[in-house]
Amino acid sequence: MKTVLLTGFEPFDGENVNPSWEAVRRLDGQEIAGARIAARQLPCVFGAALEELRRHLDALSPVLAIAVGQAGGRPDITVERVAINVDDARIADNAGQQPIDQAIAADGPAAYFSTLPIKAIVSGLRENGIPASVSQTAGTFVCNHVMYGLLHRAGPRAGFIHIPYLPEQAARHPGQPSMRLEDCVEALRLAVEIALTQREDAKIAGGATH
């Protein structure tokens, strides 16, 4: 059976949970559109996250890989369009690293576009009552680091999705939006189904820009 790799991150920046991992791990072992989900956790650490990701890609040879991360402050599911070739950390990662204006891949292009059908995913989520939008930036922290590294390695259809705080996190950050875990899980399930069954965005998917 075909395999889909879903990754989420460990908690970071003082949080007790990371909604990305809480959501993807609930899909581990499930079958979606003829493929089995393999959920794996990545460290929120520059460098080490990519090492873990590559190990899982080598072991699983997935037909689809979607990395998922937390985007505290965003109100909806955001499907990322582009990853840029820079690490520029506002805060330290979980190993205390805080790179500033460093290239992720010295020989890599300035950016990569997601090879997911991003518009189809957003439309599908909205049709099922889940707030969603296309995001034009994955930031410059470990999420972007992983998205760029994933796309830099030629292979399966791949991309990145950000999800909001969980309600218990937002309760500690007054005024911040949140989304129920059940809705995050359903959003990722739908995203996988759409990515496996829809054609990719033909004009820019898989492209790189200098």
Protein backbone atom coordinates (compact mmCIF):
# COMPACT_ATOMS: atom_id res chain seq x y z
CA MET A 1 0.00 0.00 0.00
CA LYS A 2 1.14 3.54 -0.73
CA THR A 3 2.34 5.64 2.20
CA VAL A 4 1.68 9.26 3.12
CA LEU A 5 4.09 10.92 5.52
CA LEU A 6 2.64 13.51 7.90
CA THR A 7 4.99 15.29 10.26
CA GLY A 8 4.29 17.50 13.26
CA PHE A 9 6.57 19.30 15.68
CA GLU A 10 7.31 18.93 19.36
CA PRO A 11 6.19 21.83 21.60
CA PHE A 12 8.36 24.97 21.56
CA ASP A 13 8.55 28.49 22.97
CA GLY A 14 7.23 27.46 26.38
CA GLU A 15 4.09 25.68 25.12
CA ASN A 16 3.03 22.38 26.67
CA VAL A 17 1.62 20.98 23.43
CA ASN A 18 2.05 21.53 19.72
CA PRO A 19 -1.24 21.23 17.80
CA SER A 20 0.60 20.02 14.70
CA TRP A 21 1.74 16.85 16.44
CA GLU A 22 -1.51 16.37 18.33
CA ALA A 23 -3.38 16.45 15.01
CA VAL A 24 -1.12 14.34 12.81
CA ARG A 25 -0.64 11.59 15.38
CA ARG A 26 -4.39 11.00 15.44
CA LEU A 27 -4.21 10.06 11.76
CA ASP A 28 -1.33 7.62 12.17
CA GLY A 29 -2.16 4.25 10.64
CA GLN A 30 -5.38 5.40 9.01
CA GLU A 31 -6.11 4.66 5.37
CA ILE A 32 -7.06 7.60 3.16
CA ALA A 33 -7.73 7.30 -0.58
CA GLY A 34 -5.84 4.02 -0.80
CA ALA A 35 -2.78 5.16 1.16
CA ARG A 36 -1.73 4.56 4.75
CA ILE A 37 -0.76 7.48 6.97
CA ALA A 38 2.57 7.44 8.81
CA ALA A 39 2.79 10.24 11.39
CA ARG A 40 6.20 11.26 12.67
CA GLN A 41 7.30 13.94 15.11
CA LEU A 42 10.13 16.34 14.26
CA PRO A 43 12.25 18.29 16.75
CA CYS A 44 11.80 22.05 16.70
CA VAL A 45 15.49 22.42 16.01
CA PHE A 46 17.27 23.81 12.96
CA GLY A 47 19.26 21.11 11.18
CA ALA A 48 18.06 18.23 13.34
CA ALA A 49 14.52 18.58 12.01
CA LEU A 50 15.75 18.07 8.45
CA GLU A 51 17.91 15.13 9.46
CA GLU A 52 14.86 13.43 10.99
CA LEU A 53 12.71 14.30 8.00
CA ARG A 54 15.20 12.80 5.55
CA ARG A 55 15.44 9.65 7.64
CA HIS A 56 11.67 9.21 7.49
CA LEU A 57 11.55 9.92 3.76
CA ASP A 58 14.24 7.30 3.15
CA ALA A 59 12.51 4.72 5.33
CA LEU A 60 8.98 5.23 4.02
CA SER A 61 9.35 6.35 0.38
CA PRO A 62 6.00 8.16 0.59
CA VAL A 63 3.94 9.21 -2.42
CA LEU A 64 2.91 12.34 -0.52
CA ALA A 65 4.57 14.24 2.32
CA ILE A 66 2.91 17.05 4.25
CA ALA A 67 4.71 18.79 7.08
CA VAL A 68 2.45 20.51 9.61
CA GLY A 69 3.28 23.26 12.06
CA GLN A 70 1.77 25.59 14.64
CA ALA A 71 0.98 29.17 13.66
CA GLY A 72 -0.15 30.89 16.84
CA GLY A 73 -2.18 33.98 15.99
CA ARG A 74 -3.56 32.71 12.69
CA PRO A 75 -7.33 32.14 12.74
CA ASP A 76 -7.60 29.37 10.14
CA ILE A 77 -5.89 26.46 8.42
CA THR A 78 -3.24 27.99 6.17
CA VAL A 79 -1.81 26.05 3.23
CA GLU A 80 1.63 27.42 2.43
CA ARG A 81 2.50 28.42 -1.11
CA VAL A 82 6.26 29.04 -0.87
CA ALA A 83 9.34 28.32 1.24
CA ILE A 84 12.35 30.64 1.11
CA ASN A 85 16.02 29.80 1.47
CA VAL A 86 16.72 31.57 4.76
CA ASP A 87 16.76 30.83 8.47
CA ASP A 88 16.09 34.01 10.45
CA ALA A 89 14.86 33.18 13.93
CA ARG A 90 12.98 35.66 16.10
CA ILE A 91 13.33 33.23 19.03
CA ALA A 92 15.73 30.39 19.80
CA ASP A 93 14.82 26.86 18.78
CA ASN A 94 14.64 24.03 21.30
CA ALA A 95 18.42 23.59 21.16
CA GLY A 96 19.07 27.26 21.85
CA GLN A 97 20.03 28.05 18.26
CA GLN A 98 18.96 31.39 16.79
CA PRO A 99 20.32 31.72 13.25
CA ILE A 100 20.12 35.11 11.59
CA ASP A 101 20.00 35.51 7.81
CA GLN A 102 21.52 32.08 7.13
CA ALA A 103 20.89 30.09 3.95
CA ILE A 104 19.23 26.72 4.40
CA ALA A 105 20.96 25.29 1.33
CA ALA A 106 24.02 27.17 0.11
CA ASP A 107 23.57 25.83 -3.43
CA GLY A 108 19.78 26.01 -3.44
CA PRO A 109 17.40 28.40 -5.21
CA ALA A 110 15.92 31.39 -3.42
CA ALA A 111 12.56 29.65 -3.03
CA TYR A 112 10.44 26.60 -3.79
CA PHE A 113 6.72 26.45 -4.46
CA SER A 114 4.59 23.79 -2.81
CA THR A 115 3.67 20.89 -5.05
CA LEU A 116 0.36 20.39 -3.25
CA PRO A 117 -2.88 21.44 -4.99
CA ILE A 118 -3.12 24.36 -2.57
CA LYS A 119 -6.21 26.05 -4.01
CA ALA A 120 -8.11 22.77 -4.21
CA ILE A 121 -7.26 22.00 -0.58
CA VAL A 122 -8.44 25.41 0.61
CA SER A 123 -11.67 25.11 -1.39
CA GLY A 124 -12.28 21.60 -0.08
CA LEU A 125 -11.81 22.63 3.53
CA ARG A 126 -14.12 25.62 3.16
CA GLU A 127 -16.78 23.46 1.52
CA ASN A 128 -16.65 21.24 4.60
CA GLY A 129 -17.07 24.16 7.00
CA ILE A 130 -13.42 24.50 8.02
CA PRO A 131 -11.89 28.01 7.78
CA ALA A 132 -8.88 27.91 5.46
CA SER A 133 -6.75 30.13 3.26
CA VAL A 134 -3.60 30.16 1.16
CA SER A 135 -0.60 31.63 2.98
CA GLN A 136 2.15 33.41 1.09
CA THR A 137 4.78 32.94 3.80
CA ALA A 138 5.83 30.05 5.99
CA GLY A 139 7.94 32.47 8.04
CA THR A 140 11.66 32.05 8.61
CA PHE A 141 11.66 29.73 11.64
CA VAL A 142 11.85 25.92 11.73
CA CYS A 143 8.57 25.49 9.80
CA ASN A 144 9.99 27.25 6.75
CA HIS A 145 13.29 25.42 7.31
CA VAL A 146 11.48 22.07 7.06
CA MET A 147 9.28 23.08 4.13
CA TYR A 148 12.28 24.29 2.13
CA GLY A 149 14.30 21.19 2.98
CA LEU A 150 11.40 18.93 2.03
CA LEU A 151 10.99 20.58 -1.37
CA HIS A 152 14.74 20.85 -1.94
CA ARG A 153 14.84 17.08 -1.91
CA ALA A 154 13.22 15.95 -5.15
CA GLY A 155 10.66 13.24 -4.53
CA PRO A 156 6.99 12.99 -3.57
CA ARG A 157 4.32 15.63 -3.92
CA ALA A 158 4.92 17.74 -0.85
CA GLY A 159 4.14 20.91 1.04
CA PHE A 160 3.37 22.51 4.37
CA ILE A 161 0.21 23.34 6.32
CA HIS A 162 -0.02 25.59 9.38
CA ILE A 163 -2.73 25.16 12.00
CA PRO A 164 -3.81 27.56 14.76
CA TYR A 165 -3.46 27.30 18.51
CA LEU A 166 -5.66 24.78 20.28
CA PRO A 167 -8.26 26.33 22.63
CA GLU A 168 -6.24 25.41 25.74
CA GLN A 169 -3.27 27.29 24.31
CA ALA A 170 -5.33 30.33 23.34
CA ALA A 171 -6.67 30.44 26.89
CA ARG A 172 -3.13 31.32 27.98
CA HIS A 173 -2.83 33.91 25.21
CA PRO A 174 -5.86 36.18 25.64
CA GLY A 175 -7.26 37.49 22.39
CA GLN A 176 -5.58 34.86 20.21
CA PRO A 177 -7.73 32.71 17.88
CA SER A 178 -7.87 28.94 18.14
CA MET A 179 -9.32 25.85 16.47
CA ARG A 180 -10.64 22.63 17.97
CA LEU A 181 -8.34 19.65 17.61
CA GLU A 182 -11.12 17.66 15.94
CA ASP A 183 -11.38 20.28 13.20
CA CYS A 184 -7.61 20.33 12.71
CA VAL A 185 -7.58 16.55 12.31
CA GLU A 186 -10.44 16.62 9.83
CA ALA A 187 -8.71 19.41 7.89
CA LEU A 188 -5.56 17.33 7.51
CA ARG A 189 -7.56 14.24 6.55
CA LEU A 190 -9.29 16.21 3.82
CA ALA A 191 -6.01 17.78 2.69
CA VAL A 192 -4.46 14.34 2.24
CA GLU A 193 -7.49 13.05 0.35
CA ILE A 194 -7.52 16.04 -1.98
CA ALA A 195 -3.75 15.91 -2.56
CA LEU A 196 -3.97 12.25 -3.49
CA THR A 197 -6.89 12.67 -5.86
CA GLN A 198 -6.52 16.16 -7.42
CA ARG A 199 -4.09 17.36 -10.05
CA GLU A 200 -1.44 19.72 -8.70
CA ASP A 201 -1.59 23.43 -9.48
CA ALA A 202 -0.12 23.09 -12.94
CA LYS A 203 1.55 26.40 -13.60
CA ILE A 204 3.64 26.84 -10.45
CA ALA A 205 3.63 23.55 -8.57
CA GLY A 206 7.10 22.16 -8.20
CA GLY A 207 8.68 25.32 -9.53
CA ALA A 208 11.57 27.25 -8.08
CA THR A 209 12.44 30.87 -8.35
CA HIS A 210 15.76 32.62 -8.21
